[in-house]
Amino acid sequence: MEHESPQPGAALAGDNAATLDRLVTMLDYAEGLTILFACCNAPLLRNRLIEQARVRLAALGVTVLPLDFDQPVRNLRQTLRTRLAIPHAYFAAAKEPDHAALLHKPVIFLTGLELSIPLGASAVRLMAELNLGRELFLRDAPCPLVFWLPNYAVTAVARQAPDFWAWRSGVFEFTLEEPQRREAYARYVELDSNLAALSSLTAARKLQHQRILEGLLDDFQALPPQRTTQERLAKIQQELAALQWLQGKPQEAMALYQEALATLQALGDVRAIAVTQSKMADMLRQMGKPQEAMAIYQEALATLQALGDVRSIAVTQSKMADVLSQMGKPQEALALYQEALATLQALGDVRAIAVTQSSMADVLSQMGKPQEAMALYQEALATLQALGDVRAIAVTQSSMADVLSQMGKPQEAMALYQESLATLQALGDVRAIAVTQANFGQFLLQEGETRGAIQMLWSAYATLAGAGYDAATMRNLLAAAKTQTLGAARFDAIWAETVGGEQPAWLADATQAVAG
């Protein structure tokens, strides 16, 4: 995990100083397996506390052994055995009557376990290991264990691993001091206005960023409901929603947007309400609910027009054009794109111009105008590459591959599909991965690469359906491959060789493409 530089010399606030005193004293006297929880929501403050504890414990003859997790843990006890050089000679000698000359007593500080504890969900594997195997910790780590976790994760352990929780010897709560709260907010929430920055994070960094925000969310929800605090809370909720969406969790994302909307409605922040509504409509559009999305866009647009927010009006018009295209109205979509594009060009909003150009190119491609589409894609791609917008580059490359396929350039199309898919997989962008797999699968089918095509189409369907997105198009593509392109017998044989297992009923019984 990424760490902030600790500041061991900086003074702690009164409550935190007293709590750290109690923790150090407990560790000085603790013998054998002692389970302690240190609750802290901010990495900056947590690292400062850990460094001060380490220095003070060293003076008392206690050695802190750090164990940090930068990804979800699969087997905690095994990790304790293999990653830590725990001085077992100490434990053996400790059983002797006279062990005054022993090496320093070890204690283990565990950080990053929140990556294994999703907010609002059950961490089945980790909690089962804690709850059912607690006695085994006596063998694998017979020394004090300090679990440094944000508040929500400590609550999750208490609820989901009650037997392990019952063995705790203490819970030490550290409050986020105002300087740390301001710095954490500034560093981790200001990305809210720049989804491109979020979407370009790797999957691991998205997860890390999410855990930090979850800690901030827990902290801000506990603060008095002042206006500034509530405004920041809404931004945290929105950024968490964006991360959940990018990670393929639309239901969780929608719930967080609704919470943010309620917060903003209570504040009466009209513009922020409209922006949040637009983000919710984005999700509905991509979940296959264009009518619902359009109704929300129209409401948001009316608010933005009343406020005279020219840029937001143009961005919303571009999104409404996306819906019109989805609803099979390409001419209306192009007209609205062109109106939005003219405004954005007058404003000089480079990224929004590129996104709108790419969307217009999508429509031109669907209308059978590949040369016009390719010209716009290339212009948009050049802008996005200059901006370093990794996700948007990959999505545009996937669209360009579709056009290259239409233009009879299969080798160039293949290369772009592969490059785009590799980037999106590294980013962990679930929906974009599935869309690219679907297009790549259709391309492979056209090129006679039937095994790869069926695998790719099925993977796209399973990804979308599993995450709760609309998968009707994927069902239709698979059914068409079986009933029209390959024939049932050949499709079933390829399925058995590549995917394996039983086909879902809608596919096994398909006699024609599945509609809707």
Protein backbone atom coordinates (compact mmCIF):
# COMPACT_ATOMS: atom_id res chain seq x y z
CA MET A 1 0.00 0.00 0.00
CA GLU A 2 1.02 3.59 -0.47
CA HIS A 3 1.96 5.30 2.78
CA GLU A 4 2.16 8.90 3.83
CA SER A 5 5.50 9.92 5.32
CA PRO A 6 5.15 9.63 9.11
CA GLN A 7 5.97 12.59 11.31
CA PRO A 8 7.11 10.99 14.59
CA GLY A 9 8.10 14.28 16.15
CA ALA A 10 4.73 15.99 15.65
CA ALA A 11 2.63 16.32 18.79
CA LEU A 12 -0.62 14.40 18.98
CA ALA A 13 -3.91 15.89 20.12
CA GLY A 14 -4.79 15.24 23.76
CA ASP A 15 -7.20 12.36 23.24
CA ASN A 16 -4.97 10.61 20.74
CA ALA A 17 -1.89 11.05 22.94
CA ALA A 18 -3.70 9.50 25.90
CA THR A 19 -5.00 6.61 23.77
CA LEU A 20 -1.51 5.92 22.42
CA ASP A 21 -0.17 5.91 26.00
CA ARG A 22 -2.66 3.20 26.89
CA LEU A 23 -1.79 1.12 23.81
CA VAL A 24 1.96 1.30 24.51
CA THR A 25 1.44 0.36 28.14
CA MET A 26 -0.76 -2.60 27.18
CA LEU A 27 1.86 -3.87 24.71
CA ASP A 28 4.65 -3.45 27.26
CA TYR A 29 2.88 -5.78 29.69
CA ALA A 30 1.20 -8.15 27.21
CA GLU A 31 2.42 -11.75 27.01
CA GLY A 32 1.45 -14.41 24.48
CA LEU A 33 -1.40 -13.96 22.02
CA THR A 34 -3.05 -10.63 22.77
CA ILE A 35 -5.56 -9.30 20.25
CA LEU A 36 -5.89 -5.52 20.06
CA PHE A 37 -7.73 -3.26 17.63
CA ALA A 38 -6.53 0.27 16.81
CA CYS A 39 -9.26 2.25 15.02
CA CYS A 40 -8.05 5.03 12.73
CA ASN A 41 -9.67 6.26 9.50
CA ALA A 42 -6.79 8.32 8.03
CA PRO A 43 -3.55 6.75 6.73
CA LEU A 44 -1.59 9.94 7.49
CA LEU A 45 -2.53 9.88 11.17
CA ARG A 46 -2.28 6.08 11.41
CA ASN A 47 1.31 6.05 10.12
CA ARG A 48 2.31 8.78 12.56
CA LEU A 49 0.79 6.81 15.44
CA ILE A 50 2.55 3.62 14.35
CA GLU A 51 5.93 5.36 14.14
CA GLN A 52 5.56 6.95 17.57
CA ALA A 53 4.47 3.62 19.06
CA ARG A 54 7.44 1.85 17.44
CA VAL A 55 9.97 4.30 18.90
CA ARG A 56 8.46 4.19 22.37
CA LEU A 57 8.14 0.41 22.43
CA ALA A 58 11.76 -0.04 21.30
CA ALA A 59 12.86 1.90 24.36
CA LEU A 60 10.86 -0.59 26.47
CA GLY A 61 12.47 -3.65 24.88
CA VAL A 62 9.57 -4.39 22.51
CA THR A 63 10.13 -4.86 18.76
CA VAL A 64 7.34 -3.96 16.32
CA LEU A 65 7.10 -6.35 13.37
CA PRO A 66 5.11 -4.61 10.59
CA LEU A 67 2.88 -6.64 8.28
CA ASP A 68 1.25 -4.54 5.55
CA PHE A 69 -1.22 -5.87 2.96
CA ASP A 70 -1.45 -4.18 -0.44
CA GLN A 71 -4.13 -6.55 -1.74
CA PRO A 72 -6.84 -8.80 -0.24
CA VAL A 73 -5.34 -11.59 1.84
CA ARG A 74 -6.20 -15.21 1.11
CA ASN A 75 -4.73 -16.88 4.21
CA LEU A 76 -3.81 -14.62 7.12
CA ARG A 77 -2.15 -17.21 9.33
CA GLN A 78 -0.04 -18.57 6.49
CA THR A 79 1.04 -15.03 5.68
CA LEU A 80 2.02 -14.53 9.32
CA ARG A 81 4.18 -17.65 9.13
CA THR A 82 5.86 -16.94 5.80
CA ARG A 83 6.26 -13.16 5.64
CA LEU A 84 7.41 -12.49 9.19
CA ALA A 85 10.67 -13.69 10.68
CA ILE A 86 9.04 -14.09 14.08
CA PRO A 87 11.75 -15.04 16.58
CA HIS A 88 10.35 -18.39 17.66
CA ALA A 89 13.42 -18.79 19.85
CA TYR A 90 11.86 -16.08 21.98
CA PHE A 91 8.67 -18.05 22.46
CA ALA A 92 10.59 -21.22 23.32
CA ALA A 93 12.82 -19.41 25.78
CA ALA A 94 9.86 -17.63 27.32
CA LYS A 95 8.69 -20.95 28.72
CA GLU A 96 11.88 -21.29 30.78
CA PRO A 97 11.88 -20.04 34.39
CA ASP A 98 14.69 -17.58 33.75
CA HIS A 99 14.48 -15.61 30.53
CA ALA A 100 15.75 -12.21 31.61
CA ALA A 101 18.36 -12.14 28.85
CA LEU A 102 15.90 -12.71 26.03
CA LEU A 103 15.83 -10.69 22.84
CA HIS A 104 13.26 -7.94 22.59
CA LYS A 105 9.66 -9.11 22.80
CA PRO A 106 7.91 -9.02 19.41
CA VAL A 107 4.52 -7.48 18.65
CA ILE A 108 2.90 -7.53 15.22
CA PHE A 109 1.26 -4.47 13.67
CA LEU A 110 -1.12 -5.43 10.84
CA THR A 111 -2.15 -2.75 8.33
CA GLY A 112 -4.12 -2.92 5.08
CA LEU A 113 -6.50 -5.72 6.10
CA GLU A 114 -9.39 -3.39 5.23
CA LEU A 115 -8.67 -4.37 1.61
CA SER A 116 -10.15 -7.77 2.56
CA ILE A 117 -13.23 -6.25 4.23
CA PRO A 118 -15.64 -4.70 1.69
CA LEU A 119 -17.90 -1.91 2.91
CA GLY A 120 -21.45 -3.12 3.52
CA ALA A 121 -20.72 -6.74 2.53
CA SER A 122 -19.53 -9.91 4.18
CA ALA A 123 -15.81 -10.75 4.03
CA VAL A 124 -16.58 -14.46 4.12
CA ARG A 125 -13.09 -15.92 3.73
CA LEU A 126 -11.24 -13.70 6.19
CA MET A 127 -14.02 -13.73 8.79
CA ALA A 128 -14.28 -17.52 8.66
CA GLU A 129 -10.53 -17.81 9.22
CA LEU A 130 -10.66 -15.44 12.18
CA ASN A 131 -13.77 -16.92 13.71
CA LEU A 132 -13.22 -20.64 13.19
CA GLY A 133 -9.43 -20.72 13.49
CA ARG A 134 -8.83 -18.37 16.38
CA GLU A 135 -7.13 -21.07 18.49
CA LEU A 136 -4.62 -21.64 15.67
CA PHE A 137 -3.32 -18.09 16.10
CA LEU A 138 -1.89 -19.33 19.42
CA ARG A 139 0.41 -21.57 17.38
CA ASP A 140 1.12 -19.34 14.39
CA ALA A 141 1.50 -15.96 16.11
CA PRO A 142 1.77 -16.41 19.90
CA CYS A 143 2.45 -12.73 20.54
CA PRO A 144 0.47 -9.48 20.64
CA LEU A 145 -1.36 -8.65 17.40
CA VAL A 146 -2.51 -5.08 16.75
CA PHE A 147 -5.06 -4.75 13.91
CA TRP A 148 -4.91 -1.17 12.57
CA LEU A 149 -8.25 -0.71 10.79
CA PRO A 150 -10.77 2.01 9.90
CA ASN A 151 -13.89 2.05 12.05
CA TYR A 152 -16.17 0.34 9.55
CA ALA A 153 -13.76 -2.63 9.30
CA VAL A 154 -13.53 -3.02 13.09
CA THR A 155 -17.34 -3.03 13.22
CA ALA A 156 -17.38 -5.70 10.50
CA VAL A 157 -15.03 -7.95 12.51
CA ALA A 158 -17.20 -7.53 15.61
CA ARG A 159 -20.33 -8.54 13.69
CA GLN A 160 -18.97 -11.18 11.31
CA ALA A 161 -16.31 -12.86 13.51
CA PRO A 162 -17.87 -12.68 17.00
CA ASP A 163 -15.79 -15.53 18.46
CA PHE A 164 -12.51 -13.91 17.42
CA TRP A 165 -13.81 -10.53 18.58
CA ALA A 166 -14.56 -12.02 22.02
CA TRP A 167 -10.84 -12.67 22.47
CA ARG A 168 -9.91 -9.00 22.12
CA SER A 169 -8.01 -7.45 24.98
CA GLY A 170 -8.65 -3.85 23.98
CA VAL A 171 -9.97 -1.42 21.39
CA PHE A 172 -8.15 1.89 20.95
CA GLU A 173 -9.97 4.60 19.01
CA PHE A 174 -8.00 7.43 17.46
CA THR A 175 -9.93 10.45 16.20
CA LEU A 176 -9.05 12.24 12.99
CA GLU A 177 -7.51 15.59 13.90
CA GLU A 178 -8.65 18.60 11.89
CA PRO A 179 -5.36 19.11 9.97
CA GLN A 180 -5.39 15.46 8.89
CA ARG A 181 -9.07 15.65 8.00
CA ARG A 182 -8.46 18.66 5.79
CA GLU A 183 -5.43 17.09 4.10
CA ALA A 184 -7.12 13.72 3.59
CA TYR A 185 -10.17 15.40 2.13
CA ALA A 186 -8.08 17.55 -0.19
CA ARG A 187 -6.06 14.60 -1.45
CA TYR A 188 -8.74 11.96 -1.84
CA VAL A 189 -11.96 13.80 -2.65
CA GLU A 190 -10.99 16.50 -5.17
CA LEU A 191 -10.72 13.78 -7.84
CA ASP A 192 -14.53 13.75 -7.78
CA SER A 193 -14.69 16.41 -10.49
CA ASN A 194 -12.32 14.43 -12.70
CA LEU A 195 -13.67 10.97 -13.39
CA ALA A 196 -10.94 10.50 -16.00
CA ALA A 197 -8.35 10.46 -13.21
CA LEU A 198 -10.30 7.82 -11.30
CA SER A 199 -10.95 5.69 -14.34
CA SER A 200 -7.26 5.65 -15.25
CA LEU A 201 -6.20 4.15 -11.90
CA THR A 202 -5.17 0.50 -11.96
CA ALA A 203 -7.55 -1.99 -10.38
CA ALA A 204 -5.34 -2.23 -7.28
CA ARG A 205 -5.16 1.56 -6.92
CA LYS A 206 -8.93 1.85 -7.34
CA LEU A 207 -9.39 -0.60 -4.48
CA GLN A 208 -6.86 1.22 -2.32
CA HIS A 209 -8.49 4.58 -3.08
CA GLN A 210 -11.90 3.09 -2.28
CA ARG A 211 -10.77 1.86 1.15
CA ILE A 212 -9.38 5.28 2.02
CA LEU A 213 -12.64 6.93 1.00
CA GLU A 214 -14.64 4.39 3.01
CA GLY A 215 -12.68 5.42 6.08
CA LEU A 216 -13.35 9.08 5.33
CA LEU A 217 -17.04 8.34 4.77
CA ASP A 218 -17.26 6.68 8.18
CA ASP A 219 -15.54 9.65 9.79
CA PHE A 220 -17.56 12.38 8.06
CA GLN A 221 -20.86 10.65 8.81
CA ALA A 222 -20.00 10.87 12.52
CA LEU A 223 -19.35 14.63 12.40
CA PRO A 224 -21.95 17.28 13.34
CA PRO A 225 -24.15 18.08 10.28
CA GLN A 226 -22.62 21.44 9.40
CA ARG A 227 -22.94 22.66 5.82
CA THR A 228 -19.26 22.30 4.91
CA THR A 229 -19.14 18.83 6.40
CA GLN A 230 -22.26 17.75 4.50
CA GLU A 231 -20.92 19.14 1.22
CA ARG A 232 -17.76 17.10 1.68
CA LEU A 233 -19.78 14.04 2.68
CA ALA A 234 -21.75 14.27 -0.59
CA LYS A 235 -18.53 14.45 -2.61
CA ILE A 236 -17.14 11.39 -0.81
CA GLN A 237 -20.37 9.52 -1.53
CA GLN A 238 -20.20 10.49 -5.21
CA GLU A 239 -16.58 9.48 -5.64
CA LEU A 240 -17.21 6.14 -3.95
CA ALA A 241 -20.17 5.67 -6.30
CA ALA A 242 -17.94 6.38 -9.32
CA LEU A 243 -15.39 3.82 -8.10
CA GLN A 244 -18.07 1.19 -7.52
CA TRP A 245 -19.39 1.81 -11.03
CA LEU A 246 -15.96 1.45 -12.58
CA GLN A 247 -15.44 -1.80 -10.67
CA GLY A 248 -18.66 -3.31 -12.00
CA LYS A 249 -20.96 -2.76 -9.02
CA PRO A 250 -23.87 -0.72 -10.40
CA GLN A 251 -26.30 -1.41 -7.56
CA GLU A 252 -23.82 -0.25 -4.92
CA ALA A 253 -22.96 2.78 -7.04
CA MET A 254 -26.61 3.78 -7.47
CA ALA A 255 -27.24 3.48 -3.72
CA LEU A 256 -24.31 5.82 -2.99
CA TYR A 257 -25.48 8.35 -5.60
CA GLN A 258 -28.92 8.30 -4.00
CA GLU A 259 -27.33 8.98 -0.60
CA ALA A 260 -25.36 11.87 -2.10
CA LEU A 261 -28.52 13.21 -3.76
CA ALA A 262 -30.39 13.14 -0.45
CA THR A 263 -27.51 14.98 1.24
CA LEU A 264 -27.48 17.67 -1.46
CA GLN A 265 -31.26 18.03 -1.45
CA ALA A 266 -31.12 18.66 2.29
CA LEU A 267 -28.55 21.40 1.60
CA GLY A 268 -30.60 22.86 -1.26
CA ASP A 269 -27.57 22.88 -3.58
CA VAL A 270 -29.45 23.10 -6.88
CA ARG A 271 -26.47 22.82 -9.24
CA ALA A 272 -24.89 19.90 -7.36
CA ILE A 273 -28.27 18.14 -7.40
CA ALA A 274 -28.45 18.47 -11.20
CA VAL A 275 -24.88 17.19 -11.65
CA THR A 276 -25.58 14.19 -9.42
CA GLN A 277 -28.81 13.45 -11.27
CA SER A 278 -26.84 13.48 -14.52
CA LYS A 279 -24.38 10.92 -13.13
CA MET A 280 -27.26 8.69 -12.07
CA ALA A 281 -28.72 9.00 -15.57
CA ASP A 282 -25.33 7.97 -17.02
CA MET A 283 -25.64 4.71 -15.10
CA LEU A 284 -29.23 4.10 -16.13
CA ARG A 285 -28.31 4.67 -19.78
CA GLN A 286 -25.50 2.14 -19.59
CA MET A 287 -27.72 -0.31 -17.71
CA GLY A 288 -30.11 -0.40 -20.69
CA LYS A 289 -32.76 1.98 -19.30
CA PRO A 290 -32.69 4.84 -21.85
CA GLN A 291 -36.19 6.20 -21.13
CA GLU A 292 -35.46 6.55 -17.40
CA ALA A 293 -32.10 8.12 -18.19
CA MET A 294 -33.63 10.63 -20.62
CA ALA A 295 -36.23 11.77 -18.07
CA ILE A 296 -33.50 12.51 -15.52
CA TYR A 297 -31.26 14.24 -18.08
CA GLN A 298 -34.15 16.50 -19.08
CA GLU A 299 -34.79 17.45 -15.45
CA ALA A 300 -31.08 18.15 -14.88
CA LEU A 301 -30.88 20.13 -18.16
CA ALA A 302 -33.77 22.39 -17.14
CA THR A 303 -31.99 23.19 -13.86
CA LEU A 304 -28.67 23.89 -15.57
CA GLN A 305 -30.35 26.12 -18.16
CA ALA A 306 -32.01 28.10 -15.39
CA LEU A 307 -28.59 28.52 -13.75
CA GLY A 308 -26.94 29.48 -17.06
CA ASP A 309 -24.22 26.82 -16.63
CA VAL A 310 -23.13 26.71 -20.27
CA ARG A 311 -20.53 23.94 -20.02
CA SER A 312 -22.75 21.59 -17.98
CA ILE A 313 -25.60 22.22 -20.43
CA ALA A 314 -23.39 21.13 -23.35
CA VAL A 315 -22.11 18.03 -21.51
CA THR A 316 -25.68 17.04 -20.63
CA GLN A 317 -26.80 17.54 -24.23
CA SER A 318 -23.99 15.24 -25.38
CA LYS A 319 -25.19 12.58 -22.94
CA MET A 320 -28.79 13.00 -24.12
CA ALA A 321 -27.51 12.47 -27.65
CA ASP A 322 -26.00 9.17 -26.42
CA VAL A 323 -29.50 8.14 -25.31
CA LEU A 324 -31.06 9.15 -28.63
CA SER A 325 -28.50 6.98 -30.40
CA GLN A 326 -29.30 4.11 -28.05
CA MET A 327 -33.01 4.56 -28.85
CA GLY A 328 -32.36 4.25 -32.59
CA LYS A 329 -32.57 7.95 -33.47
CA PRO A 330 -29.17 8.67 -35.07
CA GLN A 331 -30.13 11.86 -36.93
CA GLU A 332 -31.53 13.48 -33.77
CA ALA A 333 -28.44 12.31 -31.88
CA LEU A 334 -26.06 13.86 -34.42
CA ALA A 335 -27.90 17.18 -34.34
CA LEU A 336 -27.64 17.35 -30.54
CA TYR A 337 -23.98 16.27 -30.59
CA GLN A 338 -23.19 19.06 -33.03
CA GLU A 339 -24.94 21.64 -30.84
CA ALA A 340 -23.02 20.44 -27.76
CA LEU A 341 -19.74 20.29 -29.68
CA ALA A 342 -20.07 23.89 -30.90
CA THR A 343 -20.50 25.08 -27.30
CA LEU A 344 -17.58 23.02 -26.00
CA GLN A 345 -15.31 24.25 -28.79
CA ALA A 346 -16.23 27.85 -27.96
CA LEU A 347 -15.34 27.12 -24.31
CA GLY A 348 -12.11 25.35 -25.25
CA ASP A 349 -12.96 22.29 -23.12
CA VAL A 350 -10.49 19.93 -24.74
CA ARG A 351 -11.43 16.66 -23.02
CA ALA A 352 -15.19 17.17 -23.38
CA ILE A 353 -14.65 17.93 -27.08
CA ALA A 354 -12.77 14.64 -27.53
CA VAL A 355 -15.44 12.63 -25.70
CA THR A 356 -18.20 14.19 -27.82
CA GLN A 357 -16.27 13.58 -31.04
CA SER A 358 -15.83 9.92 -30.08
CA SER A 359 -19.57 9.60 -29.39
CA MET A 360 -20.41 11.21 -32.74
CA ALA A 361 -18.04 8.77 -34.43
CA ASP A 362 -19.92 5.88 -32.79
CA VAL A 363 -23.14 7.06 -34.44
CA LEU A 364 -21.48 7.59 -37.84
CA SER A 365 -20.06 4.07 -37.65
CA GLN A 366 -23.50 2.64 -36.90
CA MET A 367 -24.88 4.61 -39.87
CA GLY A 368 -22.37 2.92 -42.19
CA LYS A 369 -20.00 5.87 -42.57
CA PRO A 370 -16.69 4.35 -41.46
CA GLN A 371 -14.38 6.92 -43.09
CA GLU A 372 -16.12 9.86 -41.38
CA ALA A 373 -16.17 7.94 -38.11
CA MET A 374 -12.47 7.09 -38.32
CA ALA A 375 -11.50 10.73 -38.92
CA LEU A 376 -13.32 11.79 -35.75
CA TYR A 377 -11.91 8.89 -33.72
CA GLN A 378 -8.36 9.78 -34.73
CA GLU A 379 -8.86 13.42 -33.78
CA ALA A 380 -10.35 12.44 -30.43
CA LEU A 381 -7.60 9.86 -29.80
CA ALA A 382 -4.84 12.40 -30.37
CA THR A 383 -6.41 14.69 -27.77
CA LEU A 384 -6.89 11.90 -25.22
CA GLN A 385 -3.30 10.71 -25.68
CA ALA A 386 -2.06 14.25 -25.06
CA LEU A 387 -4.16 14.34 -21.88
CA GLY A 388 -2.98 10.89 -20.76
CA ASP A 389 -6.56 9.67 -20.25
CA VAL A 390 -5.77 5.94 -20.24
CA ARG A 391 -9.31 4.58 -20.01
CA ALA A 392 -10.75 6.89 -22.68
CA ILE A 393 -7.84 6.00 -24.98
CA ALA A 394 -8.59 2.29 -24.59
CA VAL A 395 -12.34 2.75 -25.18
CA THR A 396 -11.64 4.83 -28.30
CA GLN A 397 -9.20 2.22 -29.59
CA SER A 398 -11.87 -0.45 -29.20
CA SER A 399 -14.31 1.66 -31.22
CA MET A 400 -11.66 2.28 -33.88
CA ALA A 401 -11.09 -1.47 -34.11
CA ASP A 402 -14.81 -1.89 -34.90
CA VAL A 403 -14.46 0.58 -37.77
CA LEU A 404 -11.26 -1.02 -39.06
CA SER A 405 -13.16 -4.30 -39.20
CA GLN A 406 -15.89 -2.60 -41.26
CA MET A 407 -13.21 -1.22 -43.58
CA GLY A 408 -11.75 -4.68 -44.24
CA LYS A 409 -8.56 -4.25 -42.19
CA PRO A 410 -8.66 -7.29 -39.88
CA GLN A 411 -4.99 -7.27 -38.81
CA GLU A 412 -5.13 -3.64 -37.69
CA ALA A 413 -8.46 -4.28 -35.98
CA MET A 414 -7.08 -7.34 -34.14
CA ALA A 415 -4.10 -5.39 -32.83
CA LEU A 416 -6.28 -2.55 -31.51
CA TYR A 417 -8.78 -4.91 -29.86
CA GLN A 418 -5.96 -6.69 -28.06
CA GLU A 419 -4.30 -3.46 -26.93
CA SER A 420 -7.58 -1.97 -25.74
CA LEU A 421 -8.65 -5.10 -23.87
CA ALA A 422 -5.28 -5.44 -22.12
CA THR A 423 -5.49 -1.83 -20.89
CA LEU A 424 -9.07 -2.15 -19.64
CA GLN A 425 -8.29 -5.40 -17.84
CA ALA A 426 -5.38 -3.70 -16.06
CA LEU A 427 -7.77 -0.91 -15.04
CA GLY A 428 -10.41 -3.39 -13.84
CA ASP A 429 -13.16 -1.50 -15.70
CA VAL A 430 -15.74 -4.28 -15.73
CA ARG A 431 -18.36 -2.87 -18.08
CA ALA A 432 -15.84 -1.51 -20.60
CA ILE A 433 -14.08 -4.88 -20.60
CA ALA A 434 -17.36 -6.66 -21.38
CA VAL A 435 -18.28 -4.25 -24.18
CA THR A 436 -14.86 -4.68 -25.79
CA GLN A 437 -15.06 -8.46 -25.40
CA ALA A 438 -18.45 -8.43 -27.13
CA ASN A 439 -17.15 -6.43 -30.09
CA PHE A 440 -13.97 -8.48 -30.24
CA GLY A 441 -16.04 -11.68 -30.13
CA GLN A 442 -18.17 -10.57 -33.08
CA PHE A 443 -15.00 -9.69 -35.00
CA LEU A 444 -13.49 -13.11 -34.29
CA LEU A 445 -16.71 -14.77 -35.42
CA GLN A 446 -16.56 -12.90 -38.73
CA GLU A 447 -12.93 -13.95 -39.14
CA GLY A 448 -13.75 -17.61 -38.56
CA GLU A 449 -12.03 -17.77 -35.15
CA THR A 450 -15.08 -19.51 -33.72
CA ARG A 451 -13.59 -20.90 -30.51
CA GLY A 452 -12.15 -17.59 -29.42
CA ALA A 453 -15.36 -15.84 -30.46
CA ILE A 454 -17.65 -18.02 -28.33
CA GLN A 455 -15.35 -17.72 -25.33
CA MET A 456 -15.20 -13.94 -25.71
CA LEU A 457 -18.97 -13.51 -26.15
CA TRP A 458 -19.76 -15.76 -23.21
CA SER A 459 -17.24 -13.94 -21.01
CA ALA A 460 -18.87 -10.62 -21.95
CA TYR A 461 -22.33 -11.94 -21.10
CA ALA A 462 -21.23 -13.48 -17.78
CA THR A 463 -19.44 -10.27 -16.79
CA LEU A 464 -22.43 -8.03 -17.47
CA ALA A 465 -25.06 -10.34 -16.02
CA GLY A 466 -22.96 -11.08 -12.95
CA ALA A 467 -22.48 -7.39 -12.19
CA GLY A 468 -26.16 -6.53 -12.67
CA TYR A 469 -25.86 -4.71 -16.00
CA ASP A 470 -28.26 -5.14 -18.89
CA ALA A 471 -27.08 -8.26 -20.77
CA ALA A 472 -29.87 -8.53 -23.36
CA THR A 473 -27.56 -7.59 -26.24
CA MET A 474 -25.07 -10.26 -25.19
CA ARG A 475 -27.83 -12.88 -25.01
CA ASN A 476 -28.94 -11.87 -28.48
CA LEU A 477 -25.41 -12.12 -29.89
CA LEU A 478 -24.86 -15.60 -28.44
CA ALA A 479 -28.26 -16.82 -29.61
CA ALA A 480 -27.61 -15.42 -33.10
CA ALA A 481 -24.22 -17.16 -33.19
CA LYS A 482 -25.96 -20.44 -32.39
CA THR A 483 -29.04 -20.17 -34.57
CA GLN A 484 -27.76 -18.16 -37.54
CA THR A 485 -23.97 -18.04 -37.84
CA LEU A 486 -22.80 -21.49 -36.74
CA GLY A 487 -25.87 -23.67 -36.38
CA ALA A 488 -26.86 -25.43 -33.17
CA ALA A 489 -24.74 -28.58 -33.64
CA ARG A 490 -21.50 -26.74 -34.37
CA PHE A 491 -22.14 -24.14 -31.66
CA ASP A 492 -22.80 -26.86 -29.06
CA ALA A 493 -19.61 -28.69 -30.02
CA ILE A 494 -17.52 -25.50 -29.71
CA TRP A 495 -19.24 -24.68 -26.42
CA ALA A 496 -18.33 -28.10 -25.01
CA GLU A 497 -14.68 -27.64 -26.05
CA THR A 498 -14.23 -24.07 -24.84
CA VAL A 499 -16.76 -23.00 -22.20
CA GLY A 500 -17.89 -26.39 -20.90
CA GLY A 501 -20.82 -27.10 -18.61
CA GLU A 502 -24.50 -26.71 -19.37
CA GLN A 503 -25.77 -23.82 -21.43
CA PRO A 504 -28.32 -21.54 -19.75
CA ALA A 505 -31.89 -22.42 -20.72
CA TRP A 506 -32.37 -19.33 -22.92
CA LEU A 507 -29.35 -20.40 -24.98
CA ALA A 508 -29.83 -24.18 -24.91
CA ASP A 509 -33.39 -23.82 -26.23
CA ALA A 510 -32.70 -20.95 -28.65
CA THR A 511 -34.19 -21.34 -32.10
CA GLN A 512 -33.66 -17.68 -33.06
CA ALA A 513 -31.96 -14.59 -31.72
CA VAL A 514 -33.31 -13.62 -28.32
CA ALA A 515 -35.08 -10.29 -28.48
CA GLY A 516 -34.79 -7.68 -25.74
